[in-house]
C-alpha cells in the first residue's frame, strides 16, 4: 500500500516574480523535509472545484472578483490557504468555509477573512525558512562591508532626496535587481553613482536570497526583498508598501517602512547602527511555520490534483497577463518620470524666484552705493562751509 503524502502547490507560478517563485521553492523545501511529494499546479490548468487537497498560496492572491487571473486561486474544496496576502476589498469569500486550513500572512489581512472561516491563523511567509547555497558576489572582497540596494520607480515618488541619500551611504553598494519584470536593473544603473559599486546580473531567487544575507544592511522596495533580509537577520529599510506595512507591523518593525525623507533617514540610522537584532522574532516565525507544515501533512491526501492542459483561450490569457504586467511597469516608470520632472520644474521655478530676488537686492545695493558716493562727493564742501572757509 502506497501511503506517500502528496501536495499540489497552487500559487502565482507564472508571473516571473521573484517573491512568488521563492514561495514555491520554500514550500517545496518544507514539504520535502517532511517526506511529502509536491507538484506545482498551473493556475491556467486545474479545475476550480478539485476535491484533492491543495496548498493555495502564499502571495497576494485573494482580491476582488471578477478577475480572469486571480479568480483562479479560489478553488472550492477541502484546501489549505497558506499565508496568503488579502486585499482589504476582497469579496465573495464564502467558499473558504469548506477549507481545511485558512491563514493570512498578517493580522490585518486575517481580519478580512475572519467572517468566512471558523478559525483564521496568522502565518508568516514560508520564505522565512528558505535555505540557499552561498552565492559569490563578483568583485566583493571577503569580509568587506557592503550595503544592498534594490529600488524601483515607485521609490522616487515617495522619497524626494532618494538619490542624494543613497549616494551618501558610506559603504560600498551592491545594486540588486530583484523585481526583474520591473526593469529595476537599468533604472538603478541610470540614476545612481556606480563609480565604486557592484551591479549584479539577473539572479534566481535562491541566489538573491544568498546575496541579501551577505549585506551589512539593505535598502529595498519589495516585500520579499525585505523578508529575505529580515529572515537572515540583516537590518533593512523598505520603501513603503501597504502589504509590507501589514506584515512588519506584526513584528513591531513598521518603523522600517518609509514614506518620506525624514522616515528614510531615521530608518537608515537604525539599520546602520548595528543594534537591530531579529533573532527572537525569526525564531517565533519559524516555530509557527513549522507547526503549520506539520499540520498540513495530516490534511493532505495521497494523490495530486488532476491537471488539464491549458486550452488556446487560457494560453491567450497567459500572454495577456504578461502584457498587462508590462503595461503596469511602463505606467509606473512614466509616473516616476513625471514626478521627477515636476520636482525639477518646481526647483527651476524656485531658482528663478531666487534669481529675481537676487537681482532686486543687487539693484537696492547699487542704489545705496550711488547715494553713498554722492554723499562722499558732497562731504568736503559741507565741511568747508561749516569751518567758514568758503561762503
Protein backbone atom coordinates (compact mmCIF):
# COMPACT_ATOMS: atom_id res chain seq x y z
CA UNK A 1 0.00 0.00 0.00
CA UNK A 2 1.37 3.39 -1.03
CA UNK A 3 0.96 5.89 1.84
CA UNK A 4 3.02 8.66 0.29
CA UNK A 5 1.55 12.09 1.03
CA UNK A 6 1.37 14.38 -1.97
CA UNK A 7 0.69 18.09 -2.29
CA UNK A 8 -0.31 20.25 -5.21
CA UNK A 9 1.00 23.81 -4.84
CA UNK A 10 -1.26 26.46 -6.36
CA UNK A 11 0.31 29.93 -6.37
CA UNK A 12 1.31 32.52 -8.92
CA UNK A 13 3.93 30.40 -10.61
CA UNK A 14 3.61 32.15 -13.98
CA UNK A 15 4.25 35.86 -13.34
CA UNK A 16 8.08 35.68 -13.12
CA UNK A 17 8.01 37.46 -9.78
CA UNK A 18 10.96 36.63 -7.50
CA UNK A 19 8.83 36.55 -4.34
CA UNK A 20 6.20 34.26 -5.83
CA UNK A 21 8.77 31.86 -7.26
CA UNK A 22 10.57 31.82 -3.91
CA UNK A 23 7.36 30.87 -2.10
CA UNK A 24 7.09 27.77 -4.26
CA UNK A 25 10.72 26.89 -3.57
CA UNK A 26 10.32 27.40 0.18
CA UNK A 27 7.10 25.36 0.34
CA UNK A 28 8.82 22.59 -1.60
CA UNK A 29 11.75 22.56 0.83
CA UNK A 30 9.43 22.43 3.86
CA UNK A 31 7.32 19.64 2.37
CA UNK A 32 10.33 17.59 1.25
CA UNK A 33 11.74 17.80 4.77
CA UNK A 34 8.53 16.07 5.90
CA UNK A 35 8.62 13.40 3.20
CA UNK A 36 5.78 15.00 1.24
CA UNK A 37 5.95 14.87 -2.55
CA UNK A 38 4.77 18.00 -4.32
CA UNK A 39 3.99 19.37 -7.73
CA UNK A 40 3.33 22.90 -8.96
CA UNK A 41 -0.20 23.40 -10.24
CA UNK A 42 -0.51 25.55 -13.36
CA UNK A 43 -3.12 28.19 -12.44
CA UNK A 44 -4.36 28.10 -16.01
CA UNK A 45 -4.96 24.38 -15.86
CA UNK A 46 -6.63 22.94 -12.74
CA UNK A 47 -10.32 22.52 -12.14
CA UNK A 48 -11.83 25.21 -9.89
CA UNK A 49 -13.52 22.56 -7.76
CA UNK A 50 -10.83 19.93 -7.18
CA UNK A 51 -11.61 17.69 -4.22
CA UNK A 52 -7.96 16.68 -3.82
CA UNK A 53 -6.48 18.99 -1.16
CA UNK A 54 -4.11 21.63 -2.49
CA UNK A 55 -1.94 24.23 -0.76
CA UNK A 56 -3.04 27.62 -2.09
CA UNK A 57 -0.58 30.47 -1.66
CA UNK A 58 1.19 32.38 -0.41
CA UNK A 59 1.32 35.60 -2.32
CA UNK A 60 -1.21 38.38 -2.70
CA UNK A 61 -3.82 36.12 -4.26
CA UNK A 62 -7.17 36.95 -2.67
CA UNK A 63 -8.51 40.08 -4.34
CA UNK A 64 -11.81 41.44 -5.56
CA UNK A 65 -13.77 39.45 -8.10
CA UNK A 66 -14.10 39.35 -11.08
CA UNK A 67 -10.51 38.91 -12.25
CA UNK A 68 -9.63 36.49 -15.06
CA UNK A 69 -6.33 35.60 -13.41
CA UNK A 70 -6.68 35.89 -9.64
CA UNK A 71 -10.05 34.16 -9.55
CA UNK A 72 -8.08 31.02 -10.47
CA UNK A 73 -6.71 30.95 -6.92
CA UNK A 74 -10.15 30.37 -5.41
CA UNK A 75 -10.61 26.61 -5.83
CA UNK A 76 -13.53 25.12 -3.93
CA UNK A 77 -12.96 22.15 -1.68
CA UNK A 78 -11.01 20.99 1.41
CA UNK A 79 -7.89 23.01 0.59
CA UNK A 80 -5.24 24.82 2.61
CA UNK A 81 -4.94 28.60 2.32
CA UNK A 82 -1.30 29.19 3.18
CA UNK A 83 -0.01 32.57 4.47
CA UNK A 84 -1.82 34.43 1.72
CA UNK A 85 -1.98 38.17 1.12
CA UNK A 86 -5.53 39.53 1.17
CA UNK A 87 -6.87 42.75 -0.28
CA UNK A 88 -8.96 44.86 2.10
CA UNK A 89 -11.67 44.85 -0.58
CA UNK A 90 -11.65 41.06 -1.14
CA UNK A 91 -15.21 39.75 -1.57
CA UNK A 92 -17.19 36.55 -2.24
CA UNK A 93 -15.21 34.56 0.31
CA UNK A 94 -17.88 32.11 1.45
CA UNK A 95 -16.07 29.27 -0.35
CA UNK A 96 -13.45 29.38 2.43
CA UNK A 97 -15.92 27.72 4.81
CA UNK A 98 -15.05 24.40 3.14
CA UNK A 99 -11.27 24.85 3.56
CA UNK A 100 -9.36 22.56 5.91
CA UNK A 101 -7.00 25.34 6.99
CA UNK A 102 -7.17 29.11 6.46
CA UNK A 103 -4.29 31.51 7.10
CA UNK A 104 -3.22 35.01 6.13
CA UNK A 105 0.27 36.44 6.31
CA UNK A 106 -0.65 39.35 8.64
CA UNK A 107 -3.11 40.14 11.42
CA UNK A 108 -4.70 42.90 9.36
CA UNK A 109 -5.32 40.57 6.41
CA UNK A 110 -6.65 37.85 8.71
CA UNK A 111 -9.36 40.27 9.85
CA UNK A 112 -10.72 40.35 6.30
CA UNK A 113 -11.05 36.55 6.28
CA UNK A 114 -12.42 36.15 9.81
CA UNK A 115 -16.14 36.35 8.90
CA UNK A 116 -15.75 33.47 6.43
CA UNK A 117 -13.89 30.80 8.40
CA UNK A 118 -14.24 29.27 11.85
CA UNK A 119 -10.56 29.90 12.51
CA UNK A 120 -8.04 32.06 10.68
CA UNK A 121 -4.37 31.67 11.51
CA UNK A 122 -1.77 34.40 11.07
CA UNK A 123 1.14 32.63 9.41
CA UNK A 124 4.49 34.14 8.36
CA UNK A 125 5.61 33.74 4.76
CA UNK A 126 7.21 30.35 4.09
CA UNK A 127 10.27 32.08 2.57
CA UNK A 128 11.31 32.93 6.15
CA UNK A 129 12.69 29.38 6.32
CA UNK A 130 14.03 29.15 2.76
CA UNK A 131 17.59 27.86 2.54
CA UNK A 132 20.07 28.79 -0.19
CA UNK A 133 23.63 27.91 -1.17
CA UNK A 134 26.26 30.64 -0.90
CA UNK A 135 26.46 32.89 -3.97
CA UNK A 136 29.84 34.52 -4.52
CA UNK A 137 29.25 38.19 -5.31
CA UNK A 138 31.57 39.20 -8.18
CA UNK A 139 34.21 41.74 -7.14
CA UNK A 140 33.45 41.53 -3.42
CA UNK A 141 36.40 41.09 -1.08
CA UNK A 142 35.96 38.62 1.77
CA UNK A 143 34.71 40.43 4.88
CA UNK A 144 34.12 43.70 3.04
CA UNK A 145 31.08 45.53 4.49
CA UNK A 146 28.57 46.35 1.77
CA UNK A 147 25.01 47.71 1.59
CA UNK A 148 22.42 46.13 -0.67
CA UNK A 149 20.24 48.43 -2.76
CA UNK A 150 17.07 47.49 -4.61
CA UNK A 151 14.94 50.41 -5.78
CA UNK A 152 12.16 50.88 -8.32
CA UNK A 153 10.45 53.97 -9.80
CA UNK A 154 7.82 53.94 -7.02
CA UNK A 155 10.65 54.85 -4.60
CA UNK A 156 11.30 58.20 -6.28
CA UNK A 157 7.69 59.25 -5.86
CA UNK A 158 7.92 58.88 -2.07
CA UNK A 159 11.47 59.89 -1.15
CA UNK A 160 12.32 63.28 -2.68
CA UNK A 161 16.04 63.18 -1.83
CA UNK A 162 16.50 59.49 -2.59
CA UNK A 163 19.43 59.92 -4.98
CA UNK A 164 21.38 62.08 -2.55
CA UNK A 165 20.60 59.84 0.43
CA UNK A 166 21.63 56.64 -1.35
CA UNK A 167 24.80 58.12 -2.83
CA UNK A 168 25.79 59.38 0.65
CA UNK A 169 25.78 55.89 2.23
CA UNK A 170 29.39 55.48 3.42
CA UNK A 171 29.82 51.87 2.35
CA UNK A 172 30.34 50.24 -0.98
CA UNK A 173 26.97 49.44 -2.51
CA UNK A 174 25.69 46.30 -4.20
CA UNK A 175 22.80 47.07 -6.56
CA UNK A 176 20.49 44.07 -6.61
CA UNK A 177 17.92 43.66 -9.42
CA UNK A 178 15.11 41.81 -7.64
CA UNK A 179 11.86 42.53 -9.47
CA UNK A 180 13.14 41.64 -12.93
CA UNK A 181 9.80 42.29 -14.64
CA UNK A 182 10.03 45.86 -13.31
CA UNK A 183 13.15 46.81 -15.26
CA UNK A 184 14.89 47.64 -11.98
CA UNK A 185 18.46 47.00 -13.20
CA UNK A 186 18.56 49.70 -15.93
CA UNK A 187 16.54 52.01 -13.69
CA UNK A 188 19.12 51.84 -10.88
CA UNK A 189 22.08 51.93 -13.23
CA UNK A 190 20.83 55.13 -14.89
CA UNK A 191 20.24 57.04 -11.65
CA UNK A 192 22.82 56.21 -9.01
CA UNK A 193 26.55 56.72 -8.66
CA UNK A 194 28.11 53.45 -9.83
CA UNK A 195 31.76 54.57 -9.62
CA UNK A 196 32.51 52.25 -6.68
CA UNK A 197 29.56 49.86 -6.78
CA UNK A 198 28.74 46.31 -7.79
CA UNK A 199 25.76 45.84 -10.10
CA UNK A 200 24.57 42.26 -10.06
CA UNK A 201 23.22 40.42 -13.09
CA UNK A 202 19.78 38.83 -13.18
CA UNK A 203 19.80 36.18 -10.46
CA UNK A 204 17.35 33.47 -9.48
CA UNK A 205 15.51 33.62 -6.11
CA UNK A 206 17.96 31.36 -4.26
CA UNK A 207 20.93 33.43 -5.45
CA UNK A 208 19.15 36.64 -4.46
CA UNK A 209 18.40 35.16 -1.04
CA UNK A 210 22.09 34.41 -0.54
CA UNK A 211 23.13 37.89 -1.71
CA UNK A 212 20.80 39.71 0.68
CA UNK A 213 22.05 37.59 3.56
CA UNK A 214 25.59 38.89 2.96
CA UNK A 215 24.75 42.58 3.34
CA UNK A 216 25.53 44.83 6.32
CA UNK A 217 22.07 46.29 5.78
CA UNK A 218 19.73 46.79 2.84
CA UNK A 219 17.52 49.46 1.26
CA UNK A 220 14.79 47.75 -0.73
CA UNK A 221 11.46 48.29 -2.48
CA UNK A 222 9.97 44.81 -2.32
CA UNK A 223 8.16 42.86 0.40
CA UNK A 224 10.18 39.73 -0.31
CA UNK A 225 13.49 41.56 -0.53
CA UNK A 226 12.58 42.83 2.94
CA UNK A 227 11.67 39.31 4.13
CA UNK A 228 14.87 37.84 2.64
CA UNK A 229 16.84 40.44 4.62
CA UNK A 230 14.87 40.16 7.85
CA UNK A 231 14.82 36.35 7.90
CA UNK A 232 18.64 36.31 7.71
CA UNK A 233 18.93 38.91 10.49
CA UNK A 234 20.02 41.68 8.11
CA UNK A 235 18.67 45.15 9.04
CA UNK A 236 16.62 46.73 6.26
CA UNK A 237 14.92 49.91 5.14
CA UNK A 238 11.90 49.24 2.96
CA UNK A 239 10.13 51.78 0.78
CA UNK A 240 6.52 51.76 1.92
CA UNK A 241 4.01 49.31 0.53
CA UNK A 242 0.80 48.61 2.38
CA UNK A 243 1.31 44.83 2.29
CA UNK A 244 4.81 45.23 3.75
CA UNK A 245 3.46 47.54 6.45
CA UNK A 246 0.85 44.94 7.43
CA UNK A 247 3.49 42.21 7.56
CA UNK A 248 6.14 44.01 9.59
CA UNK A 249 3.69 45.75 11.91
CA UNK A 250 3.08 42.29 13.42
CA UNK A 251 6.79 42.23 14.32
CA UNK A 252 7.00 45.80 15.65
CA UNK A 253 9.15 46.80 12.67
CA UNK A 254 6.76 49.15 10.87
CA UNK A 255 9.25 51.98 11.51
CA UNK A 256 11.48 50.43 8.84
CA UNK A 257 8.75 51.09 6.23
CA UNK A 258 9.36 54.63 4.97
CA UNK A 259 7.30 57.19 3.06
CA UNK A 260 9.35 60.40 3.15
CA UNK A 261 12.85 61.80 3.64
CA UNK A 262 12.58 62.05 7.42
CA UNK A 263 11.34 58.48 7.88
CA UNK A 264 14.01 57.24 5.49
CA UNK A 265 16.86 58.93 7.37
CA UNK A 266 15.62 57.66 10.76
CA UNK A 267 15.21 54.09 9.48
CA UNK A 268 18.62 54.23 7.79
CA UNK A 269 20.25 55.33 11.05
CA UNK A 270 18.66 52.39 12.88
CA UNK A 271 19.72 49.93 10.19
CA UNK A 272 23.28 51.25 10.17
CA UNK A 273 23.60 51.35 13.96
CA UNK A 274 24.41 47.65 14.30
CA UNK A 275 21.88 47.41 17.13
CA UNK A 276 19.00 45.75 15.26
CA UNK A 277 18.69 42.04 16.05
CA UNK A 278 15.77 39.93 14.80
CA UNK A 279 16.86 36.62 16.32
CA UNK A 280 13.88 36.16 18.64
CA UNK A 281 11.38 37.33 16.02
CA UNK A 282 12.78 34.89 13.45
CA UNK A 283 12.62 32.02 15.93
CA UNK A 284 8.97 32.79 16.69
CA UNK A 285 8.14 32.94 12.97
CA UNK A 286 9.98 29.67 12.33
CA UNK A 287 8.05 27.90 15.08
CA UNK A 288 4.71 28.95 13.62
CA UNK A 289 5.65 27.96 10.07
CA UNK A 290 6.97 24.55 11.13
CA UNK A 291 3.86 23.88 13.22
CA UNK A 292 1.64 24.74 10.24
CA UNK A 293 3.51 22.45 7.84
CA UNK A 294 3.44 19.66 10.39
CA UNK A 295 -0.32 20.10 10.44
CA UNK A 296 -0.52 20.16 6.64
CA UNK A 297 0.83 16.61 6.45
CA UNK A 298 -2.30 15.41 8.22
CA UNK A 299 -4.62 17.35 5.91
CA UNK A 300 -3.14 16.40 2.55
CA UNK A 301 -4.03 13.30 0.58
CA UNK A 302 -2.14 10.64 -1.33
CA UNK A 303 -2.82 11.94 -4.83
CA UNK A 304 -2.12 15.01 -6.91
CA UNK A 305 -4.97 17.16 -8.26
CA UNK A 306 -5.83 16.31 -11.83
CA UNK A 307 -4.43 18.94 -14.17
CA UNK A 308 -5.98 19.74 -17.52
CA UNK A 309 -3.72 21.17 -20.18
CA UNK A 310 -4.49 24.87 -20.79
CA UNK A 311 -6.51 25.39 -23.94
CA UNK A 312 -5.86 28.06 -26.56
CA UNK A 313 -8.02 30.64 -24.77
CA UNK A 314 -6.18 30.07 -21.50
CA UNK A 315 -2.81 30.36 -23.25
CA UNK A 316 -4.02 33.66 -24.67
CA UNK A 317 -4.90 34.78 -21.12
CA UNK A 318 -1.39 33.88 -20.01
CA UNK A 319 0.04 36.09 -22.75
CA UNK A 320 -2.39 38.87 -21.82
CA UNK A 321 -1.18 38.64 -18.21
CA UNK A 322 2.42 39.27 -19.29
CA UNK A 323 1.34 42.21 -21.45
CA UNK A 324 -0.65 43.66 -18.57
CA UNK A 325 2.40 43.41 -16.32
CA UNK A 326 4.49 45.20 -18.94
CA UNK A 327 1.88 47.95 -19.22
CA UNK A 328 1.93 48.44 -15.43
CA UNK A 329 5.71 48.69 -15.43
CA UNK A 330 5.67 51.29 -18.20
CA UNK A 331 2.96 53.25 -16.37
CA UNK A 332 4.96 53.15 -13.13
CA UNK A 333 8.08 54.37 -14.90
CA UNK A 334 6.08 57.16 -16.52
CA UNK A 335 4.65 58.20 -13.15
CA UNK A 336 8.12 58.27 -11.62
CA UNK A 337 9.49 60.30 -14.53
CA UNK A 338 6.56 62.66 -14.23
CA UNK A 339 7.15 63.12 -10.52
CA UNK A 340 10.86 63.76 -11.07
CA UNK A 341 10.10 66.23 -13.88
CA UNK A 342 7.56 68.02 -11.68
CA UNK A 343 10.16 68.39 -8.94
CA UNK A 344 12.71 69.60 -11.49
CA UNK A 345 10.35 72.24 -12.83
CA UNK A 346 9.39 73.29 -9.30
CA UNK A 347 13.09 73.62 -8.46
CA UNK A 348 13.69 75.67 -11.59
CA UNK A 349 10.79 77.92 -10.59
CA UNK A 350 12.27 78.35 -7.13
CA UNK A 351 15.66 79.13 -8.69
CA UNK A 352 14.06 81.75 -10.94
CA UNK A 353 12.35 83.32 -7.92
CA UNK A 354 15.64 83.33 -6.01
CA UNK A 355 17.44 84.87 -9.01
CA UNK A 356 14.77 87.58 -9.34
CA UNK A 357 15.06 88.38 -5.63
CA UNK A 358 18.84 88.49 -6.01
CA UNK A 359 18.52 90.92 -8.90
CA UNK A 360 16.21 93.16 -6.85
CA UNK A 361 18.65 93.11 -3.94
CA UNK A 362 21.52 93.96 -6.27
CA UNK A 363 19.52 96.95 -7.57
CA UNK A 364 18.90 98.15 -4.00
CA UNK A 365 22.58 97.73 -3.14
CA UNK A 366 23.58 99.64 -6.30
CA UNK A 367 21.19 102.48 -5.45
CA UNK A 368 22.52 102.71 -1.91
CA UNK A 369 26.09 102.67 -3.20
CA UNK A 370 25.25 105.59 -5.52
CA UNK A 371 23.79 107.55 -2.59
CA UNK A 372 26.95 106.90 -0.57
CA UNK A 373 29.09 108.10 -3.50
CA UNK A 374 27.10 111.34 -3.79
CA UNK A 375 27.35 111.93 -0.04
CA UNK A 376 31.09 111.35 -0.14
CA UNK A 377 31.45 113.85 -3.01
CA UNK A 378 29.36 116.46 -1.18
CA UNK A 379 31.06 115.96 2.19
CA UNK A 380 34.21 118.16 1.62
CA UNK A 381 32.07 121.10 0.52
CA UNK A 382 29.83 120.83 3.57
CA UNK A 383 32.82 120.61 5.91
CA UNK A 384 34.48 123.65 4.34
CA UNK A 385 31.31 125.73 4.71
CA UNK A 386 30.99 124.65 8.33
CA UNK A 387 34.55 125.83 9.00
CA UNK A 388 33.89 129.18 7.22
CA UNK A 389 36.49 128.54 4.60
CA UNK A 390 34.02 129.14 1.80
CA UNK A 391 30.82 131.09 1.61
